[in-house]
N, C-alpha and C. Protein backbone atom coordinates (compact mmCIF):
# COMPACT_ATOMS: atom_id res chain seq x y z
N MET A 1 103.96 108.97 47.08
CA MET A 1 103.53 108.84 48.45
C MET A 1 103.84 107.45 49.03
N PRO A 2 103.57 106.36 48.31
CA PRO A 2 103.89 105.05 48.88
C PRO A 2 105.38 104.85 49.11
N PHE A 3 106.21 105.45 48.26
CA PHE A 3 107.65 105.30 48.44
C PHE A 3 108.13 106.06 49.67
N GLY A 4 107.51 107.17 49.98
CA GLY A 4 107.85 107.91 51.19
C GLY A 4 107.48 107.14 52.44
N ILE A 5 106.31 106.52 52.42
CA ILE A 5 105.88 105.70 53.56
C ILE A 5 106.81 104.50 53.72
N ALA A 6 107.19 103.89 52.60
CA ALA A 6 108.13 102.77 52.66
C ALA A 6 109.48 103.20 53.20
N SER A 7 109.91 104.40 52.83
CA SER A 7 111.19 104.91 53.33
C SER A 7 111.14 105.13 54.84
N PHE A 8 110.03 105.68 55.34
CA PHE A 8 109.89 105.85 56.77
C PHE A 8 109.80 104.50 57.49
N ARG A 9 109.18 103.51 56.85
CA ARG A 9 109.10 102.17 57.43
C ARG A 9 110.51 101.58 57.57
N ILE A 10 111.33 101.74 56.56
CA ILE A 10 112.72 101.26 56.62
C ILE A 10 113.48 102.01 57.70
N GLY A 11 113.26 103.32 57.79
CA GLY A 11 113.96 104.13 58.78
C GLY A 11 113.60 103.75 60.20
N VAL A 12 112.33 103.52 60.46
CA VAL A 12 111.89 103.13 61.81
C VAL A 12 112.44 101.75 62.16
N TYR A 13 112.42 100.86 61.19
CA TYR A 13 112.95 99.51 61.43
C TYR A 13 114.46 99.55 61.62
N ALA A 14 115.14 100.43 60.93
CA ALA A 14 116.59 100.56 61.10
C ALA A 14 116.95 101.21 62.43
N LEU A 15 116.07 102.08 62.92
CA LEU A 15 116.33 102.76 64.19
C LEU A 15 116.34 101.78 65.36
N TRP A 16 115.41 100.84 65.38
CA TRP A 16 115.36 99.86 66.47
C TRP A 16 114.88 98.52 65.93
N PRO A 17 115.78 97.72 65.33
CA PRO A 17 115.36 96.45 64.73
C PRO A 17 115.23 95.29 65.71
N PHE A 18 115.71 95.48 66.94
CA PHE A 18 115.72 94.38 67.90
C PHE A 18 114.32 94.15 68.46
N GLY A 19 113.84 92.92 68.37
CA GLY A 19 112.52 92.59 68.88
C GLY A 19 111.42 92.76 67.86
N TYR A 20 111.75 93.11 66.63
CA TYR A 20 110.77 93.29 65.58
C TYR A 20 111.16 92.48 64.35
N THR A 21 110.19 92.18 63.53
CA THR A 21 110.42 91.48 62.27
C THR A 21 109.43 92.02 61.24
N THR A 22 109.64 91.66 60.00
CA THR A 22 108.72 92.09 58.95
C THR A 22 107.94 90.90 58.44
N VAL A 23 106.69 91.12 58.12
CA VAL A 23 105.84 90.11 57.51
C VAL A 23 105.22 90.70 56.26
N GLU A 24 104.93 89.83 55.31
CA GLU A 24 104.29 90.28 54.08
C GLU A 24 102.79 90.41 54.30
N ARG A 25 102.23 91.45 53.72
CA ARG A 25 100.78 91.61 53.71
C ARG A 25 100.28 91.07 52.37
N HIS A 26 99.50 90.02 52.41
CA HIS A 26 99.05 89.38 51.18
C HIS A 26 97.92 90.14 50.51
N VAL A 27 97.38 91.14 51.17
CA VAL A 27 96.30 91.93 50.58
C VAL A 27 96.84 93.19 49.91
N ALA A 28 98.15 93.29 49.72
CA ALA A 28 98.75 94.50 49.17
C ALA A 28 98.35 94.73 47.72
N GLY A 29 98.29 93.69 46.90
CA GLY A 29 97.79 93.81 45.55
C GLY A 29 98.83 94.11 44.50
N ALA A 30 98.33 94.33 43.28
CA ALA A 30 99.18 94.54 42.12
C ALA A 30 99.94 95.88 42.16
N PRO A 31 99.36 96.98 42.65
CA PRO A 31 100.14 98.22 42.71
C PRO A 31 101.39 98.09 43.58
N SER A 32 101.29 97.30 44.64
CA SER A 32 102.45 97.06 45.49
C SER A 32 103.52 96.29 44.72
N CYS A 33 103.10 95.34 43.92
CA CYS A 33 104.05 94.56 43.12
C CYS A 33 104.76 95.45 42.09
N LEU A 34 104.02 96.30 41.43
CA LEU A 34 104.63 97.23 40.46
C LEU A 34 105.55 98.23 41.15
N GLY A 35 105.13 98.72 42.31
CA GLY A 35 105.97 99.64 43.06
C GLY A 35 107.25 98.98 43.55
N ASN A 36 107.15 97.72 43.97
CA ASN A 36 108.34 96.99 44.39
C ASN A 36 109.31 96.79 43.23
N ALA A 37 108.79 96.53 42.04
CA ALA A 37 109.66 96.37 40.87
C ALA A 37 110.39 97.68 40.56
N LEU A 38 109.67 98.78 40.65
CA LEU A 38 110.31 100.08 40.42
C LEU A 38 111.32 100.39 41.51
N TRP A 39 110.96 100.12 42.76
CA TRP A 39 111.87 100.35 43.88
C TRP A 39 113.13 99.50 43.75
N LEU A 40 112.98 98.24 43.36
CA LEU A 40 114.10 97.33 43.23
C LEU A 40 115.11 97.85 42.22
N ILE A 41 114.62 98.36 41.11
CA ILE A 41 115.51 98.86 40.06
C ILE A 41 116.19 100.16 40.48
N LEU A 42 115.45 101.08 41.10
CA LEU A 42 116.00 102.41 41.39
C LEU A 42 116.77 102.50 42.70
N ALA A 43 116.30 101.85 43.75
CA ALA A 43 116.93 102.05 45.06
C ALA A 43 117.21 100.76 45.82
N GLY A 44 116.48 99.71 45.55
CA GLY A 44 116.58 98.50 46.37
C GLY A 44 117.93 97.82 46.34
N TRP A 45 118.51 97.68 45.15
CA TRP A 45 119.82 97.02 45.05
C TRP A 45 120.88 97.76 45.83
N TRP A 46 120.86 99.09 45.73
CA TRP A 46 121.89 99.89 46.41
C TRP A 46 121.74 99.80 47.92
N LEU A 47 120.51 99.85 48.41
CA LEU A 47 120.30 99.74 49.86
C LEU A 47 120.69 98.35 50.37
N ALA A 48 120.31 97.32 49.65
CA ALA A 48 120.65 95.95 50.07
C ALA A 48 122.16 95.74 50.05
N LEU A 49 122.82 96.25 49.03
CA LEU A 49 124.28 96.13 48.96
C LEU A 49 124.95 96.87 50.12
N ALA A 50 124.43 98.04 50.46
CA ALA A 50 124.99 98.79 51.59
C ALA A 50 124.79 98.03 52.90
N HIS A 51 123.63 97.39 53.07
CA HIS A 51 123.40 96.61 54.29
C HIS A 51 124.29 95.38 54.36
N ILE A 52 124.56 94.76 53.22
CA ILE A 52 125.46 93.61 53.21
C ILE A 52 126.87 94.03 53.59
N VAL A 53 127.35 95.11 53.00
CA VAL A 53 128.72 95.57 53.27
C VAL A 53 128.88 96.00 54.72
N THR A 54 127.93 96.78 55.24
CA THR A 54 128.06 97.22 56.63
C THR A 54 127.83 96.07 57.60
N GLY A 55 126.98 95.11 57.25
CA GLY A 55 126.77 93.95 58.11
C GLY A 55 128.02 93.10 58.23
N VAL A 56 128.70 92.89 57.11
CA VAL A 56 129.95 92.13 57.14
C VAL A 56 131.01 92.89 57.93
N ALA A 57 131.10 94.20 57.72
CA ALA A 57 132.09 95.01 58.43
C ALA A 57 131.83 95.00 59.94
N LEU A 58 130.57 95.06 60.33
CA LEU A 58 130.25 95.04 61.76
C LEU A 58 130.50 93.68 62.40
N CYS A 59 130.39 92.62 61.64
CA CYS A 59 130.60 91.27 62.19
C CYS A 59 132.07 90.95 62.43
N PHE A 60 132.97 91.82 62.05
CA PHE A 60 134.39 91.57 62.31
C PHE A 60 134.74 91.76 63.77
N THR A 61 133.94 92.50 64.52
CA THR A 61 134.20 92.68 65.94
C THR A 61 133.12 91.98 66.75
N ILE A 62 133.45 91.59 67.96
CA ILE A 62 132.49 90.89 68.80
C ILE A 62 131.35 91.82 69.21
N ILE A 63 131.66 93.06 69.49
CA ILE A 63 130.63 94.01 69.90
C ILE A 63 129.68 94.32 68.74
N GLY A 64 130.18 94.28 67.51
CA GLY A 64 129.37 94.64 66.36
C GLY A 64 128.52 93.52 65.79
N ILE A 65 128.66 92.30 66.29
CA ILE A 65 127.92 91.17 65.73
C ILE A 65 126.40 91.37 65.81
N PRO A 66 125.82 91.81 66.94
CA PRO A 66 124.37 92.02 66.94
C PRO A 66 123.93 93.09 65.94
N PHE A 67 124.74 94.11 65.76
CA PHE A 67 124.40 95.16 64.80
C PHE A 67 124.56 94.66 63.36
N GLY A 68 125.52 93.79 63.14
CA GLY A 68 125.66 93.18 61.82
C GLY A 68 124.48 92.30 61.49
N ILE A 69 124.00 91.54 62.46
CA ILE A 69 122.81 90.71 62.25
C ILE A 69 121.60 91.58 62.00
N ALA A 70 121.50 92.71 62.71
CA ALA A 70 120.40 93.65 62.47
C ALA A 70 120.47 94.21 61.05
N ASN A 71 121.68 94.46 60.55
CA ASN A 71 121.81 94.91 59.16
C ASN A 71 121.36 93.84 58.19
N PHE A 72 121.66 92.58 58.48
CA PHE A 72 121.22 91.50 57.60
C PHE A 72 119.69 91.36 57.62
N LYS A 73 119.05 91.68 58.76
CA LYS A 73 117.60 91.64 58.84
C LYS A 73 116.96 92.74 57.98
N LEU A 74 117.71 93.80 57.71
CA LEU A 74 117.17 94.91 56.92
C LEU A 74 117.22 94.67 55.42
N ILE A 75 117.91 93.64 54.97
CA ILE A 75 118.06 93.41 53.53
C ILE A 75 116.71 93.13 52.85
N PRO A 76 115.86 92.23 53.35
CA PRO A 76 114.60 91.99 52.63
C PRO A 76 113.69 93.20 52.56
N VAL A 77 113.62 93.97 53.64
CA VAL A 77 112.74 95.14 53.64
C VAL A 77 113.32 96.27 52.80
N SER A 78 114.63 96.31 52.62
CA SER A 78 115.20 97.35 51.75
C SER A 78 115.10 96.96 50.28
N LEU A 79 115.03 95.67 49.99
CA LEU A 79 114.85 95.23 48.60
C LEU A 79 113.41 95.45 48.13
N LEU A 80 112.45 94.99 48.90
CA LEU A 80 111.03 95.07 48.51
C LEU A 80 110.21 95.58 49.70
N PRO A 81 110.15 96.90 49.91
CA PRO A 81 109.50 97.42 51.12
C PRO A 81 107.98 97.53 51.04
N LEU A 82 107.43 97.62 49.85
CA LEU A 82 105.99 97.79 49.74
C LEU A 82 105.29 96.45 49.97
N GLY A 83 104.22 96.48 50.71
CA GLY A 83 103.50 95.25 51.01
C GLY A 83 104.05 94.52 52.21
N ARG A 84 104.84 95.19 53.02
CA ARG A 84 105.39 94.59 54.25
C ARG A 84 104.92 95.40 55.44
N GLU A 85 104.93 94.73 56.58
CA GLU A 85 104.52 95.37 57.82
C GLU A 85 105.49 94.96 58.92
N ILE A 86 105.82 95.89 59.81
CA ILE A 86 106.74 95.61 60.91
C ILE A 86 105.91 95.22 62.13
N VAL A 87 106.20 94.05 62.69
CA VAL A 87 105.48 93.55 63.87
C VAL A 87 106.50 93.09 64.90
N ARG A 88 106.03 92.92 66.13
CA ARG A 88 106.89 92.41 67.18
C ARG A 88 107.27 90.96 66.88
N THR A 89 108.42 90.54 67.34
CA THR A 89 108.92 89.19 67.06
C THR A 89 108.04 88.12 67.71
N ASP A 90 107.47 88.42 68.86
CA ASP A 90 106.65 87.41 69.53
C ASP A 90 105.28 87.25 68.90
N GLN A 91 104.89 88.11 67.98
CA GLN A 91 103.59 88.02 67.31
C GLN A 91 103.72 88.20 65.81
N PRO A 92 104.50 87.38 65.10
CA PRO A 92 104.67 87.61 63.66
C PRO A 92 103.44 87.31 62.83
N PHE A 93 102.52 86.51 63.33
CA PHE A 93 101.34 86.17 62.55
C PHE A 93 100.09 86.91 63.01
N ALA A 94 100.22 87.79 63.99
CA ALA A 94 99.07 88.53 64.50
C ALA A 94 98.62 89.60 63.51
N ALA A 95 99.53 90.04 62.62
CA ALA A 95 99.18 91.08 61.68
C ALA A 95 98.28 90.57 60.56
N ARG A 96 98.20 89.28 60.38
CA ARG A 96 97.38 88.73 59.29
C ARG A 96 95.98 88.67 59.68
């Protein structure tokens, strides 16, 4: 169940990353840490690598530069999605 929620969190953030950022929730606890370790081994590396490759490919054109930067913003949340929260850019510390 937590991996499904994390997948939807990544999907929503990938759908519209402009104007949003991710912050860590420090109250996530040890289960989040264990889940992140499992996620990193099974899916995180592949997702991060895909975001790096597509981000570099998009940055080759002037029109694609904002989308390439958006792909680079997705790397941390695709590596370790559990224990993170998506907030607006103008209020990154309001979630704490």
